[in-house]
mmCIF file of all heavy atoms, coordinates in Angstrom:
data_MODEL
# 
_entry.id   MODEL 
# 
loop_
_atom_site.group_PDB 
_atom_site.id 
_atom_site.type_symbol 
_atom_site.label_atom_id 
_atom_site.label_alt_id 
_atom_site.label_comp_id 
_atom_site.label_asym_id 
_atom_site.label_entity_id 
_atom_site.label_seq_id 
_atom_site.pdbx_PDB_ins_code 
_atom_site.Cartn_x 
_atom_site.Cartn_y 
_atom_site.Cartn_z 
_atom_site.occupancy 
_atom_site.B_iso_or_equiv 
_atom_site.pdbx_formal_charge 
_atom_site.auth_seq_id 
_atom_site.auth_comp_id 
_atom_site.auth_asym_id 
_atom_site.auth_atom_id 
_atom_site.pdbx_PDB_model_num 
ATOM 1   N N   . HIS A 1 1  ? 25.793 -11.465 76.010 1.00 0.00 ? 1  HIS A N   1 
ATOM 2   C CA  . HIS A 1 1  ? 26.709 -12.186 75.125 1.00 0.00 ? 1  HIS A CA  1 
ATOM 3   C C   . HIS A 1 1  ? 26.228 -12.098 73.670 1.00 0.00 ? 1  HIS A C   1 
ATOM 4   O O   . HIS A 1 1  ? 27.041 -11.941 72.754 1.00 0.00 ? 1  HIS A O   1 
ATOM 5   C CB  . HIS A 1 1  ? 26.822 -13.647 75.577 1.00 0.00 ? 1  HIS A CB  1 
ATOM 6   C CG  . HIS A 1 1  ? 27.927 -14.393 74.912 1.00 0.00 ? 1  HIS A CG  1 
ATOM 7   N ND1 . HIS A 1 1  ? 29.247 -14.052 75.054 1.00 0.00 ? 1  HIS A ND1 1 
ATOM 8   C CD2 . HIS A 1 1  ? 27.896 -15.467 74.075 1.00 0.00 ? 1  HIS A CD2 1 
ATOM 9   C CE1 . HIS A 1 1  ? 29.991 -14.876 74.342 1.00 0.00 ? 1  HIS A CE1 1 
ATOM 10  N NE2 . HIS A 1 1  ? 29.195 -15.748 73.735 1.00 0.00 ? 1  HIS A NE2 1 
ATOM 11  N N   . ARG A 1 2  ? 24.901 -12.187 73.451 1.00 0.00 ? 2  ARG A N   1 
ATOM 12  C CA  . ARG A 1 2  ? 24.349 -12.084 72.104 1.00 0.00 ? 2  ARG A CA  1 
ATOM 13  C C   . ARG A 1 2  ? 24.644 -10.711 71.512 1.00 0.00 ? 2  ARG A C   1 
ATOM 14  O O   . ARG A 1 2  ? 25.039 -10.603 70.344 1.00 0.00 ? 2  ARG A O   1 
ATOM 15  C CB  . ARG A 1 2  ? 22.842 -12.348 72.127 1.00 0.00 ? 2  ARG A CB  1 
ATOM 16  C CG  . ARG A 1 2  ? 22.242 -12.299 70.730 1.00 0.00 ? 2  ARG A CG  1 
ATOM 17  C CD  . ARG A 1 2  ? 20.793 -12.659 70.716 1.00 0.00 ? 2  ARG A CD  1 
ATOM 18  N NE  . ARG A 1 2  ? 19.999 -11.637 71.402 1.00 0.00 ? 2  ARG A NE  1 
ATOM 19  C CZ  . ARG A 1 2  ? 18.692 -11.682 71.520 1.00 0.00 ? 2  ARG A CZ  1 
ATOM 20  N NH1 . ARG A 1 2  ? 18.012 -12.700 71.047 1.00 0.00 ? 2  ARG A NH1 1 
ATOM 21  N NH2 . ARG A 1 2  ? 18.045 -10.717 72.142 1.00 0.00 ? 2  ARG A NH2 1 
ATOM 22  N N   . SER A 1 3  ? 24.477 -9.654  72.315 1.00 0.00 ? 3  SER A N   1 
ATOM 23  C CA  . SER A 1 3  ? 24.764 -8.314  71.783 1.00 0.00 ? 3  SER A CA  1 
ATOM 24  C C   . SER A 1 3  ? 26.251 -8.171  71.463 1.00 0.00 ? 3  SER A C   1 
ATOM 25  O O   . SER A 1 3  ? 26.616 -7.545  70.457 1.00 0.00 ? 3  SER A O   1 
ATOM 26  C CB  . SER A 1 3  ? 24.299 -7.238  72.754 1.00 0.00 ? 3  SER A CB  1 
ATOM 27  O OG  . SER A 1 3  ? 25.089 -7.238  73.907 1.00 0.00 ? 3  SER A OG  1 
ATOM 28  N N   . TYR A 1 4  ? 27.104 -8.782  72.295 1.00 0.00 ? 4  TYR A N   1 
ATOM 29  C CA  . TYR A 1 4  ? 28.545 -8.763  72.017 1.00 0.00 ? 4  TYR A CA  1 
ATOM 30  C C   . TYR A 1 4  ? 28.829 -9.487  70.699 1.00 0.00 ? 4  TYR A C   1 
ATOM 31  O O   . TYR A 1 4  ? 29.570 -8.980  69.842 1.00 0.00 ? 4  TYR A O   1 
ATOM 32  C CB  . TYR A 1 4  ? 29.316 -9.422  73.167 1.00 0.00 ? 4  TYR A CB  1 
ATOM 33  C CG  . TYR A 1 4  ? 30.731 -9.772  72.821 1.00 0.00 ? 4  TYR A CG  1 
ATOM 34  C CD1 . TYR A 1 4  ? 31.711 -8.790  72.744 1.00 0.00 ? 4  TYR A CD1 1 
ATOM 35  C CD2 . TYR A 1 4  ? 31.096 -11.086 72.533 1.00 0.00 ? 4  TYR A CD2 1 
ATOM 36  C CE1 . TYR A 1 4  ? 33.018 -9.105  72.407 1.00 0.00 ? 4  TYR A CE1 1 
ATOM 37  C CE2 . TYR A 1 4  ? 32.391 -11.414 72.198 1.00 0.00 ? 4  TYR A CE2 1 
ATOM 38  C CZ  . TYR A 1 4  ? 33.350 -10.427 72.128 1.00 0.00 ? 4  TYR A CZ  1 
ATOM 39  O OH  . TYR A 1 4  ? 34.627 -10.738 71.781 1.00 0.00 ? 4  TYR A OH  1 
ATOM 40  N N   . LEU A 1 5  ? 28.233 -10.669 70.515 1.00 0.00 ? 5  LEU A N   1 
ATOM 41  C CA  . LEU A 1 5  ? 28.453 -11.425 69.282 1.00 0.00 ? 5  LEU A CA  1 
ATOM 42  C C   . LEU A 1 5  ? 27.928 -10.680 68.055 1.00 0.00 ? 5  LEU A C   1 
ATOM 43  O O   . LEU A 1 5  ? 28.555 -10.704 66.989 1.00 0.00 ? 5  LEU A O   1 
ATOM 44  C CB  . LEU A 1 5  ? 27.802 -12.809 69.389 1.00 0.00 ? 5  LEU A CB  1 
ATOM 45  C CG  . LEU A 1 5  ? 28.462 -13.778 70.375 1.00 0.00 ? 5  LEU A CG  1 
ATOM 46  C CD1 . LEU A 1 5  ? 27.661 -15.066 70.469 1.00 0.00 ? 5  LEU A CD1 1 
ATOM 47  C CD2 . LEU A 1 5  ? 29.905 -14.065 69.982 1.00 0.00 ? 5  LEU A CD2 1 
ATOM 48  N N   . ARG A 1 6  ? 26.795 -10.002 68.191 1.00 0.00 ? 6  ARG A N   1 
ATOM 49  C CA  . ARG A 1 6  ? 26.266 -9.217  67.072 1.00 0.00 ? 6  ARG A CA  1 
ATOM 50  C C   . ARG A 1 6  ? 27.216 -8.083  66.698 1.00 0.00 ? 6  ARG A C   1 
ATOM 51  O O   . ARG A 1 6  ? 27.416 -7.789  65.523 1.00 0.00 ? 6  ARG A O   1 
ATOM 52  C CB  . ARG A 1 6  ? 24.886 -8.664  67.423 1.00 0.00 ? 6  ARG A CB  1 
ATOM 53  C CG  . ARG A 1 6  ? 23.809 -9.710  67.344 1.00 0.00 ? 6  ARG A CG  1 
ATOM 54  C CD  . ARG A 1 6  ? 22.456 -9.126  67.652 1.00 0.00 ? 6  ARG A CD  1 
ATOM 55  N NE  . ARG A 1 6  ? 21.416 -10.135 67.451 1.00 0.00 ? 6  ARG A NE  1 
ATOM 56  C CZ  . ARG A 1 6  ? 20.183 -10.009 67.872 1.00 0.00 ? 6  ARG A CZ  1 
ATOM 57  N NH1 . ARG A 1 6  ? 19.803 -8.915  68.505 1.00 0.00 ? 6  ARG A NH1 1 
ATOM 58  N NH2 . ARG A 1 6  ? 19.303 -10.967 67.658 1.00 0.00 ? 6  ARG A NH2 1 
ATOM 59  N N   . ARG A 1 7  ? 27.786 -7.426  67.731 1.00 0.00 ? 7  ARG A N   1 
ATOM 60  C CA  . ARG A 1 7  ? 28.734 -6.346  67.472 1.00 0.00 ? 7  ARG A CA  1 
ATOM 61  C C   . ARG A 1 7  ? 29.965 -6.883  66.745 1.00 0.00 ? 7  ARG A C   1 
ATOM 62  O O   . ARG A 1 7  ? 30.427 -6.299  65.754 1.00 0.00 ? 7  ARG A O   1 
ATOM 63  C CB  . ARG A 1 7  ? 29.123 -5.657  68.775 1.00 0.00 ? 7  ARG A CB  1 
ATOM 64  C CG  . ARG A 1 7  ? 29.942 -4.401  68.551 1.00 0.00 ? 7  ARG A CG  1 
ATOM 65  C CD  . ARG A 1 7  ? 30.289 -3.684  69.833 1.00 0.00 ? 7  ARG A CD  1 
ATOM 66  N NE  . ARG A 1 7  ? 31.310 -4.410  70.578 1.00 0.00 ? 7  ARG A NE  1 
ATOM 67  C CZ  . ARG A 1 7  ? 31.133 -4.985  71.758 1.00 0.00 ? 7  ARG A CZ  1 
ATOM 68  N NH1 . ARG A 1 7  ? 29.970 -4.913  72.362 1.00 0.00 ? 7  ARG A NH1 1 
ATOM 69  N NH2 . ARG A 1 7  ? 32.114 -5.623  72.356 1.00 0.00 ? 7  ARG A NH2 1 
ATOM 70  N N   . VAL A 1 8  ? 30.479 -8.029  67.219 1.00 0.00 ? 8  VAL A N   1 
ATOM 71  C CA  . VAL A 1 8  ? 31.644 -8.634  66.566 1.00 0.00 ? 8  VAL A CA  1 
ATOM 72  C C   . VAL A 1 8  ? 31.299 -9.028  65.138 1.00 0.00 ? 8  VAL A C   1 
ATOM 73  O O   . VAL A 1 8  ? 32.100 -8.816  64.211 1.00 0.00 ? 8  VAL A O   1 
ATOM 74  C CB  . VAL A 1 8  ? 32.138 -9.854  67.382 1.00 0.00 ? 8  VAL A CB  1 
ATOM 75  C CG1 . VAL A 1 8  ? 33.158 -10.660 66.611 1.00 0.00 ? 8  VAL A CG1 1 
ATOM 76  C CG2 . VAL A 1 8  ? 32.719 -9.404  68.709 1.00 0.00 ? 8  VAL A CG2 1 
ATOM 77  N N   . LEU A 1 9  ? 30.086 -9.572  64.934 1.00 0.00 ? 9  LEU A N   1 
ATOM 78  C CA  . LEU A 1 9  ? 29.658 -9.956  63.583 1.00 0.00 ? 9  LEU A CA  1 
ATOM 79  C C   . LEU A 1 9  ? 29.608 -8.732  62.665 1.00 0.00 ? 9  LEU A C   1 
ATOM 80  O O   . LEU A 1 9  ? 30.083 -8.792  61.520 1.00 0.00 ? 9  LEU A O   1 
ATOM 81  C CB  . LEU A 1 9  ? 28.295 -10.640 63.647 1.00 0.00 ? 9  LEU A CB  1 
ATOM 82  C CG  . LEU A 1 9  ? 27.682 -11.055 62.309 1.00 0.00 ? 9  LEU A CG  1 
ATOM 83  C CD1 . LEU A 1 9  ? 28.533 -12.115 61.645 1.00 0.00 ? 9  LEU A CD1 1 
ATOM 84  C CD2 . LEU A 1 9  ? 26.263 -11.538 62.523 1.00 0.00 ? 9  LEU A CD2 1 
ATOM 85  N N   . ARG A 1 10 ? 29.039 -7.616  63.159 1.00 0.00 ? 10 ARG A N   1 
ATOM 86  C CA  . ARG A 1 10 ? 28.995 -6.390  62.342 1.00 0.00 ? 10 ARG A CA  1 
ATOM 87  C C   . ARG A 1 10 ? 30.410 -5.935  61.985 1.00 0.00 ? 10 ARG A C   1 
ATOM 88  O O   . ARG A 1 10 ? 30.671 -5.535  60.842 1.00 0.00 ? 10 ARG A O   1 
ATOM 89  C CB  . ARG A 1 10 ? 28.260 -5.285  63.105 1.00 0.00 ? 10 ARG A CB  1 
ATOM 90  C CG  . ARG A 1 10 ? 26.759 -5.356  63.000 1.00 0.00 ? 10 ARG A CG  1 
ATOM 91  C CD  . ARG A 1 10 ? 26.089 -4.075  63.481 1.00 0.00 ? 10 ARG A CD  1 
ATOM 92  N NE  . ARG A 1 10 ? 26.486 -3.676  64.825 1.00 0.00 ? 10 ARG A NE  1 
ATOM 93  C CZ  . ARG A 1 10 ? 25.877 -4.075  65.945 1.00 0.00 ? 10 ARG A CZ  1 
ATOM 94  N NH1 . ARG A 1 10 ? 24.842 -4.886  65.887 1.00 0.00 ? 10 ARG A NH1 1 
ATOM 95  N NH2 . ARG A 1 10 ? 26.295 -3.659  67.124 1.00 0.00 ? 10 ARG A NH2 1 
ATOM 96  N N   . GLU A 1 11 ? 31.320 -6.000  62.967 1.00 0.00 ? 11 GLU A N   1 
ATOM 97  C CA  . GLU A 1 11 ? 32.698 -5.586  62.697 1.00 0.00 ? 11 GLU A CA  1 
ATOM 98  C C   . GLU A 1 11 ? 33.330 -6.476  61.630 1.00 0.00 ? 11 GLU A C   1 
ATOM 99  O O   . GLU A 1 11 ? 34.012 -5.987  60.718 1.00 0.00 ? 11 GLU A O   1 
ATOM 100 C CB  . GLU A 1 11 ? 33.518 -5.624  63.990 1.00 0.00 ? 11 GLU A CB  1 
ATOM 101 C CG  . GLU A 1 11 ? 33.139 -4.550  64.989 1.00 0.00 ? 11 GLU A CG  1 
ATOM 102 C CD  . GLU A 1 11 ? 33.800 -4.752  66.350 1.00 0.00 ? 11 GLU A CD  1 
ATOM 103 O OE1 . GLU A 1 11 ? 34.577 -5.716  66.523 1.00 0.00 ? 11 GLU A OE1 1 
ATOM 104 O OE2 . GLU A 1 11 ? 33.536 -3.934  67.249 1.00 0.00 ? 11 GLU A OE2 1 
ATOM 105 N N   . LYS A 1 12 ? 33.104 -7.782  61.730 1.00 0.00 ? 12 LYS A N   1 
ATOM 106 C CA  . LYS A 1 12 ? 33.681 -8.715  60.752 1.00 0.00 ? 12 LYS A CA  1 
ATOM 107 C C   . LYS A 1 12 ? 33.058 -8.517  59.372 1.00 0.00 ? 12 LYS A C   1 
ATOM 108 O O   . LYS A 1 12 ? 33.752 -8.587  58.350 1.00 0.00 ? 12 LYS A O   1 
ATOM 109 C CB  . LYS A 1 12 ? 33.487 -10.169 61.209 1.00 0.00 ? 12 LYS A CB  1 
ATOM 110 C CG  . LYS A 1 12 ? 34.266 -10.539 62.445 1.00 0.00 ? 12 LYS A CG  1 
ATOM 111 C CD  . LYS A 1 12 ? 35.749 -10.446 62.209 1.00 0.00 ? 12 LYS A CD  1 
ATOM 112 C CE  . LYS A 1 12 ? 36.533 -10.748 63.463 1.00 0.00 ? 12 LYS A CE  1 
ATOM 113 N NZ  . LYS A 1 12 ? 37.955 -10.520 63.312 1.00 0.00 ? 12 LYS A NZ  1 
ATOM 114 N N   . GLU A 1 13 ? 31.745 -8.278  59.345 1.00 0.00 ? 13 GLU A N   1 
ATOM 115 C CA  . GLU A 1 13 ? 31.092 -8.027  58.059 1.00 0.00 ? 13 GLU A CA  1 
ATOM 116 C C   . GLU A 1 13 ? 31.647 -6.760  57.412 1.00 0.00 ? 13 GLU A C   1 
ATOM 117 O O   . GLU A 1 13 ? 31.877 -6.723  56.192 1.00 0.00 ? 13 GLU A O   1 
ATOM 118 C CB  . GLU A 1 13 ? 29.576 -7.918  58.240 1.00 0.00 ? 13 GLU A CB  1 
ATOM 119 C CG  . GLU A 1 13 ? 28.901 -9.247  58.488 1.00 0.00 ? 13 GLU A CG  1 
ATOM 120 C CD  . GLU A 1 13 ? 27.423 -9.119  58.825 1.00 0.00 ? 13 GLU A CD  1 
ATOM 121 O OE1 . GLU A 1 13 ? 26.968 -8.001  59.208 1.00 0.00 ? 13 GLU A OE1 1 
ATOM 122 O OE2 . GLU A 1 13 ? 26.721 -10.132 58.713 1.00 0.00 ? 13 GLU A OE2 1 
ATOM 123 N N   . GLU A 1 14 ? 31.874 -5.723  58.210 1.00 0.00 ? 14 GLU A N   1 
ATOM 124 C CA  . GLU A 1 14 ? 32.451 -4.478  57.685 1.00 0.00 ? 14 GLU A CA  1 
ATOM 125 C C   . GLU A 1 14 ? 33.869 -4.734  57.183 1.00 0.00 ? 14 GLU A C   1 
ATOM 126 O O   . GLU A 1 14 ? 34.251 -4.256  56.101 1.00 0.00 ? 14 GLU A O   1 
ATOM 127 C CB  . GLU A 1 14 ? 32.448 -3.400  58.784 1.00 0.00 ? 14 GLU A CB  1 
ATOM 128 C CG  . GLU A 1 14 ? 33.064 -2.084  58.372 1.00 0.00 ? 14 GLU A CG  1 
ATOM 129 C CD  . GLU A 1 14 ? 32.300 -1.379  57.263 1.00 0.00 ? 14 GLU A CD  1 
ATOM 130 O OE1 . GLU A 1 14 ? 31.097 -1.658  57.076 1.00 0.00 ? 14 GLU A OE1 1 
ATOM 131 O OE2 . GLU A 1 14 ? 32.921 -0.555  56.564 1.00 0.00 ? 14 GLU A OE2 1 
ATOM 132 N N   . GLU A 1 15 ? 34.628 -5.494  57.951 1.00 0.00 ? 15 GLU A N   1 
ATOM 133 C CA  . GLU A 1 15 ? 35.996 -5.831  57.543 1.00 0.00 ? 15 GLU A CA  1 
ATOM 134 C C   . GLU A 1 15 ? 35.972 -6.628  56.234 1.00 0.00 ? 15 GLU A C   1 
ATOM 135 O O   . GLU A 1 15 ? 36.758 -6.354  55.317 1.00 0.00 ? 15 GLU A O   1 
ATOM 136 C CB  . GLU A 1 15 ? 36.634 -6.663  58.668 1.00 0.00 ? 15 GLU A CB  1 
ATOM 137 C CG  . GLU A 1 15 ? 38.095 -6.949  58.510 1.00 0.00 ? 15 GLU A CG  1 
ATOM 138 C CD  . GLU A 1 15 ? 38.625 -7.748  59.693 1.00 0.00 ? 15 GLU A CD  1 
ATOM 139 O OE1 . GLU A 1 15 ? 38.320 -7.390  60.855 1.00 0.00 ? 15 GLU A OE1 1 
ATOM 140 O OE2 . GLU A 1 15 ? 39.333 -8.733  59.448 1.00 0.00 ? 15 GLU A OE2 1 
ATOM 141 N N   . ASN A 1 16 ? 35.055 -7.586  56.113 1.00 0.00 ? 16 ASN A N   1 
ATOM 142 C CA  . ASN A 1 16 ? 34.938 -8.384  54.884 1.00 0.00 ? 16 ASN A CA  1 
ATOM 143 C C   . ASN A 1 16 ? 34.521 -7.520  53.701 1.00 0.00 ? 16 ASN A C   1 
ATOM 144 O O   . ASN A 1 16 ? 34.985 -7.723  52.571 1.00 0.00 ? 16 ASN A O   1 
ATOM 145 C CB  . ASN A 1 16 ? 33.933 -9.530  55.080 1.00 0.00 ? 16 ASN A CB  1 
ATOM 146 C CG  . ASN A 1 16 ? 34.479 -10.627 55.963 1.00 0.00 ? 16 ASN A CG  1 
ATOM 147 O OD1 . ASN A 1 16 ? 35.670 -10.708 56.193 1.00 0.00 ? 16 ASN A OD1 1 
ATOM 148 N ND2 . ASN A 1 16 ? 33.591 -11.475 56.464 1.00 0.00 ? 16 ASN A ND2 1 
ATOM 149 N N   . ARG A 1 17 ? 33.622 -6.558  53.950 1.00 0.00 ? 17 ARG A N   1 
ATOM 150 C CA  . ARG A 1 17 ? 33.198 -5.647  52.879 1.00 0.00 ? 17 ARG A CA  1 
ATOM 151 C C   . ARG A 1 17 ? 34.389 -4.853  52.348 1.00 0.00 ? 17 ARG A C   1 
ATOM 152 O O   . ARG A 1 17 ? 34.567 -4.712  51.137 1.00 0.00 ? 17 ARG A O   1 
ATOM 153 C CB  . ARG A 1 17 ? 32.100 -4.707  53.395 1.00 0.00 ? 17 ARG A CB  1 
ATOM 154 C CG  . ARG A 1 17 ? 31.460 -3.849  52.310 1.00 0.00 ? 17 ARG A CG  1 
ATOM 155 C CD  . ARG A 1 17 ? 30.517 -2.810  52.893 1.00 0.00 ? 17 ARG A CD  1 
ATOM 156 N NE  . ARG A 1 17 ? 31.181 -1.888  53.816 1.00 0.00 ? 17 ARG A NE  1 
ATOM 157 C CZ  . ARG A 1 17 ? 32.008 -0.895  53.450 1.00 0.00 ? 17 ARG A CZ  1 
ATOM 158 N NH1 . ARG A 1 17 ? 32.297 -0.699  52.190 1.00 0.00 ? 17 ARG A NH1 1 
ATOM 159 N NH2 . ARG A 1 17 ? 32.544 -0.100  54.356 1.00 0.00 ? 17 ARG A NH2 1 
ATOM 160 N N   . LYS A 1 18 ? 35.212 -4.364  53.278 1.00 0.00 ? 18 LYS A N   1 
ATOM 161 C CA  . LYS A 1 18 ? 36.396 -3.599  52.867 1.00 0.00 ? 18 LYS A CA  1 
ATOM 162 C C   . LYS A 1 18 ? 37.372 -4.477  52.090 1.00 0.00 ? 18 LYS A C   1 
ATOM 163 O O   . LYS A 1 18 ? 37.956 -4.042  51.094 1.00 0.00 ? 18 LYS A O   1 
ATOM 164 C CB  . LYS A 1 18 ? 37.081 -2.992  54.093 1.00 0.00 ? 18 LYS A CB  1 
ATOM 165 C CG  . LYS A 1 18 ? 36.310 -1.844  54.692 1.00 0.00 ? 18 LYS A CG  1 
ATOM 166 C CD  . LYS A 1 18 ? 37.020 -1.290  55.920 1.00 0.00 ? 18 LYS A CD  1 
ATOM 167 C CE  . LYS A 1 18 ? 36.211 -0.154  56.515 1.00 0.00 ? 18 LYS A CE  1 
ATOM 168 N NZ  . LYS A 1 18 ? 36.833 0.363   57.739 1.00 0.00 ? 18 LYS A NZ  1 
ATOM 169 N N   . VAL A 1 19 ? 37.552 -5.715  52.551 1.00 0.00 ? 19 VAL A N   1 
ATOM 170 C CA  . VAL A 1 19 ? 38.444 -6.635  51.839 1.00 0.00 ? 19 VAL A CA  1 
ATOM 171 C C   . VAL A 1 19 ? 37.897 -6.926  50.445 1.00 0.00 ? 19 VAL A C   1 
ATOM 172 O O   . VAL A 1 19 ? 38.647 -6.947  49.456 1.00 0.00 ? 19 VAL A O   1 
ATOM 173 C CB  . VAL A 1 19 ? 38.639 -7.943  52.656 1.00 0.00 ? 19 VAL A CB  1 
ATOM 174 C CG1 . VAL A 1 19 ? 39.315 -9.015  51.823 1.00 0.00 ? 19 VAL A CG1 1 
ATOM 175 C CG2 . VAL A 1 19 ? 39.444 -7.667  53.907 1.00 0.00 ? 19 VAL A CG2 1 
ATOM 176 N N   . ALA A 1 20 ? 36.578 -7.147  50.349 1.00 0.00 ? 20 ALA A N   1 
ATOM 177 C CA  . ALA A 1 20 ? 35.955 -7.418  49.047 1.00 0.00 ? 20 ALA A CA  1 
ATOM 178 C C   . ALA A 1 20 ? 36.140 -6.227  48.114 1.00 0.00 ? 20 ALA A C   1 
ATOM 179 O O   . ALA A 1 20 ? 36.428 -6.396  46.907 1.00 0.00 ? 20 ALA A O   1 
ATOM 180 C CB  . ALA A 1 20 ? 34.478 -7.750  49.223 1.00 0.00 ? 20 ALA A CB  1 
ATOM 181 N N   . GLU A 1 21 ? 35.994 -5.018  48.639 1.00 0.00 ? 21 GLU A N   1 
ATOM 182 C CA  . GLU A 1 21 ? 36.203 -3.815  47.820 1.00 0.00 ? 21 GLU A CA  1 
ATOM 183 C C   . GLU A 1 21 ? 37.637 -3.747  47.312 1.00 0.00 ? 21 GLU A C   1 
ATOM 184 O O   . GLU A 1 21 ? 37.885 -3.431  46.142 1.00 0.00 ? 21 GLU A O   1 
ATOM 185 C CB  . GLU A 1 21 ? 35.878 -2.554  48.634 1.00 0.00 ? 21 GLU A CB  1 
ATOM 186 C CG  . GLU A 1 21 ? 34.413 -2.262  48.773 1.00 0.00 ? 21 GLU A CG  1 
ATOM 187 C CD  . GLU A 1 21 ? 34.155 -1.007  49.610 1.00 0.00 ? 21 GLU A CD  1 
ATOM 188 O OE1 . GLU A 1 21 ? 35.134 -0.287  49.963 1.00 0.00 ? 21 GLU A OE1 1 
ATOM 189 O OE2 . GLU A 1 21 ? 32.987 -0.741  49.908 1.00 0.00 ? 21 GLU A OE2 1 
ATOM 190 N N   . SER A 1 22 ? 38.585 -4.045  48.217 1.00 0.00 ? 22 SER A N   1 
ATOM 191 C CA  . SER A 1 22 ? 39.989 -3.971  47.796 1.00 0.00 ? 22 SER A CA  1 
ATOM 192 C C   . SER A 1 22 ? 40.300 -5.056  46.768 1.00 0.00 ? 22 SER A C   1 
ATOM 193 O O   . SER A 1 22 ? 41.085 -4.821  45.837 1.00 0.00 ? 22 SER A O   1 
ATOM 194 C CB  . SER A 1 22 ? 40.930 -4.050  48.995 1.00 0.00 ? 22 SER A CB  1 
ATOM 195 O OG  . SER A 1 22 ? 41.009 -5.353  49.493 1.00 0.00 ? 22 SER A OG  1 
ATOM 196 N N   . VAL A 1 23 ? 39.658 -6.236  46.920 1.00 0.00 ? 23 VAL A N   1 
ATOM 197 C CA  . VAL A 1 23 ? 39.858 -7.292  45.911 1.00 0.00 ? 23 VAL A CA  1 
ATOM 198 C C   . VAL A 1 23 ? 39.312 -6.841  44.569 1.00 0.00 ? 23 VAL A C   1 
ATOM 199 O O   . VAL A 1 23 ? 39.957 -7.007  43.512 1.00 0.00 ? 23 VAL A O   1 
ATOM 200 C CB  . VAL A 1 23 ? 39.190 -8.616  46.376 1.00 0.00 ? 23 VAL A CB  1 
ATOM 201 C CG1 . VAL A 1 23 ? 39.075 -9.610  45.232 1.00 0.00 ? 23 VAL A CG1 1 
ATOM 202 C CG2 . VAL A 1 23 ? 39.958 -9.222  47.528 1.00 0.00 ? 23 VAL A CG2 1 
ATOM 203 N N   . LEU A 1 24 ? 38.119 -6.248  44.567 1.00 0.00 ? 24 LEU A N   1 
ATOM 204 C CA  . LEU A 1 24 ? 37.534 -5.759  43.304 1.00 0.00 ? 24 LEU A CA  1 
ATOM 205 C C   . LEU A 1 24 ? 38.394 -4.649  42.694 1.00 0.00 ? 24 LEU A C   1 
ATOM 206 O O   . LEU A 1 24 ? 38.593 -4.604  41.476 1.00 0.00 ? 24 LEU A O   1 
ATOM 207 C CB  . LEU A 1 24 ? 36.108 -5.254  43.548 1.00 0.00 ? 24 LEU A CB  1 
ATOM 208 C CG  . LEU A 1 24 ? 35.073 -6.343  43.858 1.00 0.00 ? 24 LEU A CG  1 
ATOM 209 C CD1 . LEU A 1 24 ? 33.714 -5.716  44.166 1.00 0.00 ? 24 LEU A CD1 1 
ATOM 210 C CD2 . LEU A 1 24 ? 34.965 -7.308  42.695 1.00 0.00 ? 24 LEU A CD2 1 
# 
């Protein structure tokens, strides 16, 4: 479950990075 949550966290962080780039 921890590895699953880490994978989801990485995906969300990547998604947030892309959103931040588009905002900039």
